[in-house]
Amino acid sequence: MKGFFAWFDALPLGVILIPALFLGLAPFVPEPHLVEKIRMLANGDLNKPIDIFDLIMHGVLPLALFDKSFFLWLF
């Protein structure tokens, strides 16, 4: 597990930033999937497996971006 964190720490922020913005905001119209899925989660409507998978798929890179930027700021 230590090898993954070393690899993740060595990864430049821009490599995560661009895909996180595109995947987190895709599709741009009428509203991003991530916003829709978070709204469904807050309302308790996120019950289909495809919706859960979609939330994970669209949310992993923005979470990685947050993690990377937070630890860059912290350390």
Protein backbone atom coordinates (compact mmCIF):
# COMPACT_ATOMS: atom_id res chain seq x y z
CA MET A 1 0.00 0.00 0.00
CA LYS A 2 2.94 2.28 0.60
CA GLY A 3 3.86 2.12 -3.10
CA PHE A 4 0.46 3.47 -4.12
CA PHE A 5 0.71 6.49 -1.85
CA ALA A 6 4.23 7.25 -3.08
CA TRP A 7 2.96 7.04 -6.67
CA PHE A 8 -0.06 9.23 -5.85
CA ASP A 9 2.12 11.81 -4.08
CA ALA A 10 4.49 11.99 -7.05
CA LEU A 11 1.62 12.58 -9.49
CA PRO A 12 1.38 16.24 -10.58
CA LEU A 13 -1.77 18.08 -9.55
CA GLY A 14 -2.65 18.97 -13.16
CA VAL A 15 -2.85 15.30 -14.11
CA ILE A 16 -5.70 14.92 -11.63
CA LEU A 17 -7.21 18.40 -12.06
CA ILE A 18 -8.19 18.21 -15.73
CA PRO A 19 -9.83 14.75 -15.68
CA ALA A 20 -11.51 15.56 -12.34
CA LEU A 21 -13.12 18.66 -13.81
CA PHE A 22 -14.26 16.91 -16.97
CA LEU A 23 -15.52 13.75 -15.28
CA GLY A 24 -16.97 15.55 -12.30
CA LEU A 25 -18.89 18.01 -14.44
CA ALA A 26 -19.83 15.73 -17.37
CA PRO A 27 -22.37 16.06 -18.96
CA PHE A 28 -22.45 19.82 -18.76
CA VAL A 29 -26.09 20.21 -19.87
CA PRO A 30 -28.73 20.12 -18.32
CA GLU A 31 -26.83 19.50 -15.03
CA PRO A 32 -23.71 17.57 -14.11
CA HIS A 33 -24.22 13.93 -13.10
CA LEU A 34 -22.31 14.46 -9.89
CA VAL A 35 -24.69 17.24 -8.81
CA GLU A 36 -27.68 15.11 -9.79
CA LYS A 37 -26.40 12.04 -7.92
CA ILE A 38 -25.54 14.03 -4.79
CA ARG A 39 -29.05 15.52 -4.89
CA MET A 40 -30.50 12.01 -5.25
CA LEU A 41 -28.35 10.84 -2.32
CA ALA A 42 -29.58 13.73 -0.15
CA ASN A 43 -33.21 12.98 -1.05
CA GLY A 44 -32.82 9.24 -0.44
CA ASP A 45 -33.55 8.38 -4.09
CA LEU A 46 -30.16 6.82 -4.83
CA ASN A 47 -31.22 3.16 -4.78
CA LYS A 48 -30.50 1.71 -8.22
CA PRO A 49 -27.09 0.04 -8.65
CA ILE A 50 -26.41 2.01 -11.85
CA ASP A 51 -26.96 5.28 -9.96
CA ILE A 52 -24.57 4.22 -7.19
CA PHE A 53 -21.97 3.20 -9.79
CA ASP A 54 -22.47 6.53 -11.56
CA LEU A 55 -21.94 8.45 -8.32
CA ILE A 56 -18.73 6.53 -7.66
CA MET A 57 -17.48 6.91 -11.24
CA HIS A 58 -18.10 10.65 -11.36
CA GLY A 59 -16.94 11.26 -7.79
CA VAL A 60 -13.63 9.38 -7.50
CA LEU A 61 -11.45 11.86 -9.34
CA PRO A 62 -12.89 14.96 -7.62
CA LEU A 63 -12.28 13.20 -4.28
CA ALA A 64 -8.72 12.38 -5.37
CA LEU A 65 -8.25 16.03 -6.36
CA PHE A 66 -9.51 17.17 -2.97
CA ASP A 67 -7.23 14.67 -1.23
CA LYS A 68 -4.18 15.69 -3.24
CA SER A 69 -4.76 19.43 -2.86
CA PHE A 70 -5.56 19.14 0.85
CA PHE A 71 -2.35 17.24 1.60
CA LEU A 72 -0.34 19.63 -0.56
CA TRP A 73 -1.74 22.49 1.49
CA LEU A 74 -1.28 20.63 4.79
CA PHE A 75 2.30 19.52 4.22
